[in-house]
Amino acid sequence: MNRKELVDEILKQKGLDHLSKREADHFISSLLETIKKTVKKGDSVSLIGFGTFSKVRRAARDGHNPSTGEKMRIKARTVPKFKAGQAFKESVI
């Protein structure tokens, strides 16, 4: 599902027929931007039943170039993380 399909699906939901496509798209943009800003600050965003967005620090580690097999050092870095909530996990099974 892409963003346009997501907007269309949101508009199909009961009780949301008063929203325009533009308003639904703006809501999605605002939601995603808020999650990104919050996680960037170092805080986590927990959506009960869905999951938690956070950032974690990955330690430096040894790796290898899959093309050449050459050993290389992978630098430490901060990456985003999503941990699915129990209800979400159960709904996917």
N, C-alpha and C. Protein backbone atom coordinates (compact mmCIF):
# COMPACT_ATOMS: atom_id res chain seq x y z
N MET A 1 0.85 -1.17 0.00
CA MET A 1 0.00 0.00 0.00
C MET A 1 0.90 1.24 0.00
N ASN A 2 0.63 2.14 -0.91
CA ASN A 2 1.39 3.39 -0.94
C ASN A 2 0.60 4.49 -0.22
N ARG A 3 1.15 5.68 -0.20
CA ARG A 3 0.54 6.78 0.56
C ARG A 3 -0.85 7.13 0.02
N LYS A 4 -1.02 7.19 -1.28
CA LYS A 4 -2.32 7.52 -1.88
C LYS A 4 -3.36 6.48 -1.50
N GLU A 5 -2.98 5.22 -1.54
CA GLU A 5 -3.90 4.16 -1.16
C GLU A 5 -4.24 4.23 0.32
N LEU A 6 -3.27 4.63 1.15
CA LEU A 6 -3.50 4.79 2.57
C LEU A 6 -4.52 5.90 2.83
N VAL A 7 -4.37 7.02 2.14
CA VAL A 7 -5.32 8.13 2.27
C VAL A 7 -6.71 7.67 1.87
N ASP A 8 -6.81 6.96 0.74
CA ASP A 8 -8.11 6.46 0.30
C ASP A 8 -8.73 5.51 1.32
N GLU A 9 -7.92 4.66 1.91
CA GLU A 9 -8.42 3.71 2.91
C GLU A 9 -8.90 4.43 4.16
N ILE A 10 -8.18 5.46 4.58
CA ILE A 10 -8.59 6.24 5.75
C ILE A 10 -9.95 6.88 5.50
N LEU A 11 -10.15 7.38 4.29
CA LEU A 11 -11.41 8.03 3.96
C LEU A 11 -12.58 7.05 3.91
N LYS A 12 -12.31 5.78 3.72
CA LYS A 12 -13.36 4.76 3.70
C LYS A 12 -13.84 4.41 5.11
N GLN A 13 -13.03 4.70 6.12
CA GLN A 13 -13.36 4.34 7.49
C GLN A 13 -14.65 5.04 7.93
N LYS A 14 -15.42 4.36 8.75
CA LYS A 14 -16.67 4.93 9.27
C LYS A 14 -16.39 6.20 10.06
N GLY A 15 -17.21 7.18 9.86
CA GLY A 15 -17.11 8.41 10.62
C GLY A 15 -16.07 9.40 10.09
N LEU A 16 -15.37 9.04 9.05
CA LEU A 16 -14.34 9.95 8.50
C LEU A 16 -14.72 10.46 7.12
N ASP A 17 -15.95 10.27 6.72
CA ASP A 17 -16.37 10.68 5.38
C ASP A 17 -16.44 12.20 5.21
N HIS A 18 -16.35 12.94 6.31
CA HIS A 18 -16.36 14.41 6.23
C HIS A 18 -14.98 14.97 5.86
N LEU A 19 -13.94 14.16 5.92
CA LEU A 19 -12.59 14.61 5.58
C LEU A 19 -12.38 14.62 4.08
N SER A 20 -11.59 15.57 3.61
CA SER A 20 -11.19 15.57 2.20
C SER A 20 -9.89 14.78 2.08
N LYS A 21 -9.53 14.43 0.85
CA LYS A 21 -8.26 13.71 0.64
C LYS A 21 -7.10 14.58 1.12
N ARG A 22 -7.20 15.86 0.89
CA ARG A 22 -6.13 16.78 1.30
C ARG A 22 -5.98 16.80 2.82
N GLU A 23 -7.10 16.82 3.54
CA GLU A 23 -7.05 16.81 5.00
C GLU A 23 -6.48 15.50 5.54
N ALA A 24 -6.87 14.39 4.93
CA ALA A 24 -6.35 13.09 5.36
C ALA A 24 -4.85 13.01 5.10
N ASP A 25 -4.40 13.49 3.95
CA ASP A 25 -2.97 13.48 3.63
C ASP A 25 -2.21 14.39 4.57
N HIS A 26 -2.78 15.54 4.91
CA HIS A 26 -2.14 16.46 5.85
C HIS A 26 -2.02 15.81 7.23
N PHE A 27 -3.05 15.08 7.64
CA PHE A 27 -3.01 14.38 8.93
C PHE A 27 -1.87 13.37 8.95
N ILE A 28 -1.74 12.58 7.88
CA ILE A 28 -0.66 11.58 7.80
C ILE A 28 0.70 12.27 7.85
N SER A 29 0.86 13.35 7.11
CA SER A 29 2.12 14.09 7.10
C SER A 29 2.46 14.61 8.50
N SER A 30 1.47 15.17 9.18
CA SER A 30 1.69 15.70 10.52
C SER A 30 2.07 14.59 11.50
N LEU A 31 1.38 13.46 11.41
CA LEU A 31 1.67 12.33 12.28
C LEU A 31 3.10 11.86 12.09
N LEU A 32 3.50 11.64 10.84
CA LEU A 32 4.85 11.14 10.55
C LEU A 32 5.92 12.15 10.96
N GLU A 33 5.67 13.42 10.71
CA GLU A 33 6.65 14.46 11.06
C GLU A 33 6.82 14.55 12.58
N THR A 34 5.72 14.43 13.31
CA THR A 34 5.79 14.45 14.77
C THR A 34 6.57 13.26 15.30
N ILE A 35 6.34 12.08 14.75
CA ILE A 35 7.09 10.89 15.17
C ILE A 35 8.58 11.09 14.90
N LYS A 36 8.93 11.57 13.70
CA LYS A 36 10.34 11.79 13.36
C LYS A 36 11.01 12.78 14.30
N LYS A 37 10.36 13.91 14.57
CA LYS A 37 10.94 14.92 15.46
C LYS A 37 11.13 14.39 16.87
N THR A 38 10.14 13.66 17.36
CA THR A 38 10.21 13.14 18.72
C THR A 38 11.33 12.12 18.86
N VAL A 39 11.43 11.21 17.91
CA VAL A 39 12.48 10.19 17.96
C VAL A 39 13.86 10.82 17.79
N LYS A 40 13.96 11.83 16.93
CA LYS A 40 15.24 12.51 16.73
C LYS A 40 15.74 13.14 18.04
N LYS A 41 14.81 13.66 18.86
CA LYS A 41 15.18 14.25 20.16
C LYS A 41 15.66 13.20 21.15
N GLY A 42 15.37 11.93 20.88
CA GLY A 42 15.78 10.88 21.80
C GLY A 42 14.64 10.28 22.59
N ASP A 43 13.44 10.82 22.40
CA ASP A 43 12.27 10.28 23.08
C ASP A 43 11.66 9.17 22.21
N SER A 44 10.84 8.35 22.82
CA SER A 44 10.18 7.31 22.05
C SER A 44 8.70 7.67 21.89
N VAL A 45 8.07 7.08 20.88
CA VAL A 45 6.65 7.29 20.63
C VAL A 45 5.99 5.93 20.73
N SER A 46 5.11 5.77 21.70
CA SER A 46 4.40 4.50 21.91
C SER A 46 2.95 4.65 21.51
N LEU A 47 2.51 3.82 20.59
CA LEU A 47 1.12 3.77 20.19
C LEU A 47 0.58 2.44 20.68
N ILE A 48 -0.17 2.46 21.76
CA ILE A 48 -0.65 1.25 22.41
C ILE A 48 -1.40 0.39 21.39
N GLY A 49 -1.02 -0.87 21.33
CA GLY A 49 -1.64 -1.81 20.40
C GLY A 49 -0.97 -1.83 19.04
N PHE A 50 -0.14 -0.83 18.73
CA PHE A 50 0.54 -0.79 17.44
C PHE A 50 2.03 -1.04 17.60
N GLY A 51 2.71 -0.17 18.36
CA GLY A 51 4.14 -0.36 18.56
C GLY A 51 4.82 0.89 19.08
N THR A 52 6.15 0.79 19.16
CA THR A 52 6.96 1.88 19.70
C THR A 52 8.07 2.25 18.73
N PHE A 53 8.19 3.54 18.46
CA PHE A 53 9.27 4.07 17.64
C PHE A 53 10.31 4.66 18.58
N SER A 54 11.58 4.36 18.34
CA SER A 54 12.65 4.90 19.17
C SER A 54 13.94 4.97 18.35
N LYS A 55 14.99 5.47 18.97
CA LYS A 55 16.28 5.43 18.31
C LYS A 55 17.26 4.70 19.20
N VAL A 56 18.16 3.98 18.57
CA VAL A 56 19.15 3.20 19.31
C VAL A 56 20.53 3.46 18.72
N ARG A 57 21.53 3.28 19.53
CA ARG A 57 22.92 3.45 19.12
C ARG A 57 23.49 2.09 18.77
N ARG A 58 23.96 1.92 17.56
CA ARG A 58 24.62 0.68 17.17
C ARG A 58 26.11 0.84 17.38
N ALA A 59 26.72 -0.13 18.02
CA ALA A 59 28.16 -0.10 18.27
C ALA A 59 28.92 -0.36 16.98
N ALA A 60 30.16 0.07 16.96
CA ALA A 60 31.03 -0.24 15.82
C ALA A 60 31.25 -1.74 15.78
N ARG A 61 31.41 -2.27 14.59
CA ARG A 61 31.59 -3.72 14.46
C ARG A 61 32.38 -4.04 13.21
N ASP A 62 32.87 -5.28 13.16
CA ASP A 62 33.59 -5.74 11.98
C ASP A 62 32.60 -6.35 11.00
N GLY A 63 32.84 -6.12 9.74
CA GLY A 63 31.99 -6.67 8.69
C GLY A 63 32.85 -7.04 7.50
N HIS A 64 32.20 -7.35 6.39
CA HIS A 64 32.95 -7.65 5.17
C HIS A 64 32.18 -7.15 3.96
N ASN A 65 32.92 -6.81 2.93
CA ASN A 65 32.34 -6.36 1.68
C ASN A 65 31.84 -7.60 0.94
N PRO A 66 30.53 -7.72 0.68
CA PRO A 66 30.01 -8.92 0.04
C PRO A 66 30.54 -9.12 -1.39
N SER A 67 30.95 -8.06 -2.05
CA SER A 67 31.46 -8.17 -3.41
C SER A 67 32.87 -8.74 -3.45
N THR A 68 33.71 -8.24 -2.54
CA THR A 68 35.12 -8.63 -2.58
C THR A 68 35.52 -9.56 -1.45
N GLY A 69 34.71 -9.63 -0.41
CA GLY A 69 35.06 -10.44 0.75
C GLY A 69 36.03 -9.75 1.67
N GLU A 70 36.43 -8.53 1.33
CA GLU A 70 37.39 -7.77 2.12
C GLU A 70 36.80 -7.39 3.48
N LYS A 71 37.61 -7.55 4.55
CA LYS A 71 37.16 -7.16 5.88
C LYS A 71 37.14 -5.65 5.98
N MET A 72 36.17 -5.14 6.76
CA MET A 72 36.06 -3.69 6.94
C MET A 72 35.47 -3.40 8.31
N ARG A 73 35.69 -2.19 8.75
CA ARG A 73 35.17 -1.74 10.05
C ARG A 73 33.92 -0.90 9.78
N ILE A 74 32.81 -1.25 10.41
CA ILE A 74 31.58 -0.50 10.27
C ILE A 74 31.48 0.44 11.47
N LYS A 75 31.33 1.73 11.20
CA LYS A 75 31.30 2.75 12.25
C LYS A 75 30.05 2.63 13.11
N ALA A 76 30.17 3.12 14.34
CA ALA A 76 29.02 3.21 15.23
C ALA A 76 28.07 4.26 14.67
N ARG A 77 26.77 4.06 14.87
CA ARG A 77 25.81 5.06 14.41
C ARG A 77 24.48 4.91 15.14
N THR A 78 23.68 5.94 15.02
CA THR A 78 22.35 5.93 15.61
C THR A 78 21.34 5.62 14.51
N VAL A 79 20.41 4.72 14.80
CA VAL A 79 19.41 4.31 13.81
C VAL A 79 18.02 4.30 14.43
N PRO A 80 16.97 4.48 13.61
CA PRO A 80 15.61 4.37 14.13
C PRO A 80 15.25 2.91 14.35
N LYS A 81 14.34 2.69 15.30
CA LYS A 81 13.91 1.33 15.62
C LYS A 81 12.40 1.32 15.80
N PHE A 82 11.76 0.26 15.35
CA PHE A 82 10.33 0.07 15.58
C PHE A 82 10.13 -1.29 16.21
N LYS A 83 9.43 -1.30 17.32
CA LYS A 83 9.10 -2.57 17.98
C LYS A 83 7.59 -2.71 17.95
N ALA A 84 7.11 -3.74 17.25
CA ALA A 84 5.68 -3.96 17.11
C ALA A 84 5.05 -4.33 18.44
N GLY A 85 3.87 -3.79 18.69
CA GLY A 85 3.13 -4.11 19.90
C GLY A 85 2.47 -5.47 19.79
N GLN A 86 2.06 -6.03 20.90
CA GLN A 86 1.49 -7.37 20.94
C GLN A 86 0.23 -7.48 20.08
N ALA A 87 -0.67 -6.51 20.16
CA ALA A 87 -1.92 -6.57 19.39
C ALA A 87 -1.62 -6.55 17.89
N PHE A 88 -0.63 -5.74 17.47
CA PHE A 88 -0.25 -5.68 16.06
C PHE A 88 0.34 -7.00 15.60
N LYS A 89 1.21 -7.57 16.43
CA LYS A 89 1.82 -8.86 16.11
C LYS A 89 0.75 -9.93 15.92
N GLU A 90 -0.20 -9.96 16.84
CA GLU A 90 -1.27 -10.96 16.79
C GLU A 90 -2.18 -10.77 15.58
N SER A 91 -2.39 -9.54 15.16
CA SER A 91 -3.27 -9.28 14.03
C SER A 91 -2.65 -9.68 12.70
N VAL A 92 -1.32 -9.77 12.66
CA VAL A 92 -0.62 -10.11 11.43
C VAL A 92 -0.55 -11.62 11.22
N ILE A 93 -0.61 -12.36 12.30
CA ILE A 93 -0.48 -13.82 12.21
C ILE A 93 -1.65 -14.44 11.49
